[in-house]
Amino acid sequence: MKSLIGATALSICAGAAFAEPGTYLQVTMTISDENRAAAAAVYQEYREPFLSTIEGAEQKSLLVRSEDVQVLHGFDTVENASAYLESALFTEDIVTRLGPLFEADPDIRIYTAN
């Protein structure tokens, strides 16, 4: 129970420190346990270029679950999230590096937040 309270407090503090994006791009990938460290390294390498060079990019988070790995991207608009999927950073750099690690095609979804 104590850890749940700590996690909730951390969530509240984090929410207060950052504005909520208007759009989320969720990329869910099936990656084996032995390849997850390599996938995390790709995330770390491209996180800052994503935030500093992609129009409308506001945040990026790596979510690791037992069944998959997700990268949640925050954008200002749906149009900028869609444009990112066509960008050289995504198609030439990130997909080229992550592609060999996929056990299945990734599930890519765009959501709007109200």
C-alpha atoms as a PDB file:
ATOM      1  CA  MET A   1       0.000   0.000   0.000  1.00  0.00           C
ATOM      2  CA  LYS A   2       2.858   2.350   0.825  1.00  0.00           C
ATOM      3  CA  SER A   3       4.342   1.932  -2.680  1.00  0.00           C
ATOM      4  CA  LEU A   4       0.933   2.617  -4.248  1.00  0.00           C
ATOM      5  CA  ILE A   5       0.667   5.892  -2.336  1.00  0.00           C
ATOM      6  CA  GLY A   6       4.196   6.845  -3.410  1.00  0.00           C
ATOM      7  CA  ALA A   7       3.416   6.033  -7.043  1.00  0.00           C
ATOM      8  CA  THR A   8       0.212   8.069  -6.893  1.00  0.00           C
ATOM      9  CA  ALA A   9       2.060  11.031  -5.382  1.00  0.00           C
ATOM     10  CA  LEU A  10       4.722  10.799  -8.076  1.00  0.00           C
ATOM     11  CA  SER A  11       2.028  10.707 -10.747  1.00  0.00           C
ATOM     12  CA  ILE A  12       0.331  13.797  -9.319  1.00  0.00           C
ATOM     13  CA  CYS A  13       3.616  15.696  -9.102  1.00  0.00           C
ATOM     14  CA  ALA A  14       4.592  14.711 -12.628  1.00  0.00           C
ATOM     15  CA  GLY A  15       1.190  15.749 -13.937  1.00  0.00           C
ATOM     16  CA  ALA A  16       1.459  19.153 -12.314  1.00  0.00           C
ATOM     17  CA  ALA A  17       4.939  19.757 -13.731  1.00  0.00           C
ATOM     18  CA  PHE A  18       4.077  19.002 -17.368  1.00  0.00           C
ATOM     19  CA  ALA A  19       1.257  20.212 -19.581  1.00  0.00           C
ATOM     20  CA  GLU A  20      -0.914  17.502 -21.090  1.00  0.00           C
ATOM     21  CA  PRO A  21      -0.427  17.049 -24.835  1.00  0.00           C
ATOM     22  CA  GLY A  22      -3.469  17.336 -27.080  1.00  0.00           C
ATOM     23  CA  THR A  23      -2.535  14.222 -29.066  1.00  0.00           C
ATOM     24  CA  TYR A  24      -0.836  10.925 -28.280  1.00  0.00           C
ATOM     25  CA  LEU A  25       0.930   8.608 -30.697  1.00  0.00           C
ATOM     26  CA  GLN A  26       1.211   5.114 -29.233  1.00  0.00           C
ATOM     27  CA  VAL A  27       3.557   2.569 -30.802  1.00  0.00           C
ATOM     28  CA  THR A  28       3.193  -0.916 -29.307  1.00  0.00           C
ATOM     29  CA  MET A  29       5.912  -3.436 -30.182  1.00  0.00           C
ATOM     30  CA  THR A  30       6.303  -7.132 -29.488  1.00  0.00           C
ATOM     31  CA  ILE A  31       9.974  -7.533 -28.590  1.00  0.00           C
ATOM     32  CA  SER A  32      11.518 -10.550 -26.879  1.00  0.00           C
ATOM     33  CA  ASP A  33      13.032 -10.201 -23.419  1.00  0.00           C
ATOM     34  CA  GLU A  34      16.556 -10.663 -24.784  1.00  0.00           C
ATOM     35  CA  ASN A  35      16.097  -7.740 -27.225  1.00  0.00           C
ATOM     36  CA  ARG A  36      14.465  -5.270 -24.850  1.00  0.00           C
ATOM     37  CA  ALA A  37      17.745  -3.696 -23.728  1.00  0.00           C
ATOM     38  CA  ALA A  38      18.591  -2.994 -27.382  1.00  0.00           C
ATOM     39  CA  ALA A  39      15.135  -1.461 -27.898  1.00  0.00           C
ATOM     40  CA  ALA A  40      15.558   0.709 -24.795  1.00  0.00           C
ATOM     41  CA  ALA A  41      18.931   1.897 -26.124  1.00  0.00           C
ATOM     42  CA  VAL A  42      17.250   3.016 -29.370  1.00  0.00           C
ATOM     43  CA  TYR A  43      14.642   4.886 -27.334  1.00  0.00           C
ATOM     44  CA  GLN A  44      17.354   6.650 -25.304  1.00  0.00           C
ATOM     45  CA  GLU A  45      19.379   7.540 -28.402  1.00  0.00           C
ATOM     46  CA  TYR A  46      16.463   9.135 -30.262  1.00  0.00           C
ATOM     47  CA  ARG A  47      14.461  10.675 -27.413  1.00  0.00           C
ATOM     48  CA  GLU A  48      16.252  14.035 -27.453  1.00  0.00           C
ATOM     49  CA  PRO A  49      16.377  14.376 -31.274  1.00  0.00           C
ATOM     50  CA  PHE A  50      12.631  13.643 -31.305  1.00  0.00           C
ATOM     51  CA  LEU A  51      11.896  16.323 -28.717  1.00  0.00           C
ATOM     52  CA  SER A  52      14.202  18.935 -30.243  1.00  0.00           C
ATOM     53  CA  THR A  53      13.610  18.465 -33.981  1.00  0.00           C
ATOM     54  CA  ILE A  54      10.089  17.120 -34.571  1.00  0.00           C
ATOM     55  CA  GLU A  55       7.440  19.801 -34.966  1.00  0.00           C
ATOM     56  CA  GLY A  56       4.851  19.713 -32.199  1.00  0.00           C
ATOM     57  CA  ALA A  57       6.668  17.047 -30.137  1.00  0.00           C
ATOM     58  CA  GLU A  58       6.021  17.595 -26.437  1.00  0.00           C
ATOM     59  CA  GLN A  59       6.980  14.393 -24.616  1.00  0.00           C
ATOM     60  CA  LYS A  60       8.075  10.802 -25.114  1.00  0.00           C
ATOM     61  CA  SER A  61       7.866   7.891 -22.659  1.00  0.00           C
ATOM     62  CA  LEU A  62       8.993   4.261 -22.752  1.00  0.00           C
ATOM     63  CA  LEU A  63       6.499   1.826 -21.205  1.00  0.00           C
ATOM     64  CA  VAL A  64       7.658  -1.755 -20.654  1.00  0.00           C
ATOM     65  CA  ARG A  65       5.110  -4.458 -19.867  1.00  0.00           C
ATOM     66  CA  SER A  66       5.522  -8.218 -19.699  1.00  0.00           C
ATOM     67  CA  GLU A  67       3.669  -8.677 -23.004  1.00  0.00           C
ATOM     68  CA  ASP A  68       5.062  -5.741 -25.019  1.00  0.00           C
ATOM     69  CA  VAL A  69       6.969  -2.476 -25.156  1.00  0.00           C
ATOM     70  CA  GLN A  70       5.226   0.815 -25.873  1.00  0.00           C
ATOM     71  CA  VAL A  71       6.501   4.229 -26.746  1.00  0.00           C
ATOM     72  CA  LEU A  72       4.016   6.982 -25.978  1.00  0.00           C
ATOM     73  CA  HIS A  73       4.656  10.258 -27.805  1.00  0.00           C
ATOM     74  CA  GLY A  74       2.910  13.507 -26.890  1.00  0.00           C
ATOM     75  CA  PHE A  75       2.127  16.036 -29.636  1.00  0.00           C
ATOM     76  CA  ASP A  76       0.280  19.304 -29.934  1.00  0.00           C
ATOM     77  CA  THR A  77      -1.853  18.171 -32.909  1.00  0.00           C
ATOM     78  CA  VAL A  78      -2.944  15.059 -34.810  1.00  0.00           C
ATOM     79  CA  GLU A  79      -1.360  16.521 -37.946  1.00  0.00           C
ATOM     80  CA  ASN A  80       2.077  16.742 -36.308  1.00  0.00           C
ATOM     81  CA  ALA A  81       1.781  13.200 -34.939  1.00  0.00           C
ATOM     82  CA  SER A  82       0.899  11.921 -38.421  1.00  0.00           C
ATOM     83  CA  ALA A  83       3.728  13.915 -40.005  1.00  0.00           C
ATOM     84  CA  TYR A  84       6.218  12.346 -37.572  1.00  0.00           C
ATOM     85  CA  LEU A  85       5.316   8.897 -38.903  1.00  0.00           C
ATOM     86  CA  GLU A  86       6.491  10.094 -42.339  1.00  0.00           C
ATOM     87  CA  SER A  87       9.646  11.835 -41.069  1.00  0.00           C
ATOM     88  CA  ALA A  88      13.184  10.660 -41.834  1.00  0.00           C
ATOM     89  CA  LEU A  89      13.858  10.352 -38.093  1.00  0.00           C
ATOM     90  CA  PHE A  90      11.071   7.792 -37.768  1.00  0.00           C
ATOM     91  CA  THR A  91      11.260   5.937 -41.111  1.00  0.00           C
ATOM     92  CA  GLU A  92      15.009   5.943 -41.724  1.00  0.00           C
ATOM     93  CA  ASP A  93      16.516   6.016 -38.255  1.00  0.00           C
ATOM     94  CA  ILE A  94      14.179   4.551 -35.645  1.00  0.00           C
ATOM     95  CA  VAL A  95      12.367   1.933 -37.749  1.00  0.00           C
ATOM     96  CA  THR A  96      15.649   0.827 -39.337  1.00  0.00           C
ATOM     97  CA  ARG A  97      17.167   0.236 -35.895  1.00  0.00           C
ATOM     98  CA  LEU A  98      14.087  -1.315 -34.239  1.00  0.00           C
ATOM     99  CA  GLY A  99      12.774  -3.344 -37.192  1.00  0.00           C
ATOM    100  CA  PRO A 100      15.071  -6.335 -36.686  1.00  0.00           C
ATOM    101  CA  LEU A 101      13.908  -6.573 -33.048  1.00  0.00           C
ATOM    102  CA  PHE A 102      10.180  -6.890 -33.866  1.00  0.00           C
ATOM    103  CA  GLU A 103       8.498 -10.258 -33.435  1.00  0.00           C
ATOM    104  CA  ALA A 104       5.343  -8.868 -35.115  1.00  0.00           C
ATOM    105  CA  ASP A 105       4.330  -5.700 -36.900  1.00  0.00           C
ATOM    106  CA  PRO A 106       3.962  -2.824 -34.430  1.00  0.00           C
ATOM    107  CA  ASP A 107       0.522  -1.462 -33.574  1.00  0.00           C
ATOM    108  CA  ILE A 108       0.489   2.295 -34.209  1.00  0.00           C
ATOM    109  CA  ARG A 109      -2.400   4.448 -32.972  1.00  0.00           C
ATOM    110  CA  ILE A 110      -3.083   8.151 -32.658  1.00  0.00           C
ATOM    111  CA  TYR A 111      -5.392   9.427 -29.902  1.00  0.00           C
ATOM    112  CA  THR A 112      -6.710  12.882 -29.135  1.00  0.00           C
ATOM    113  CA  ALA A 113      -6.998  14.037 -25.529  1.00  0.00           C
ATOM    114  CA  ASN A 114      -9.878  16.163 -24.339  1.00  0.00           C
END
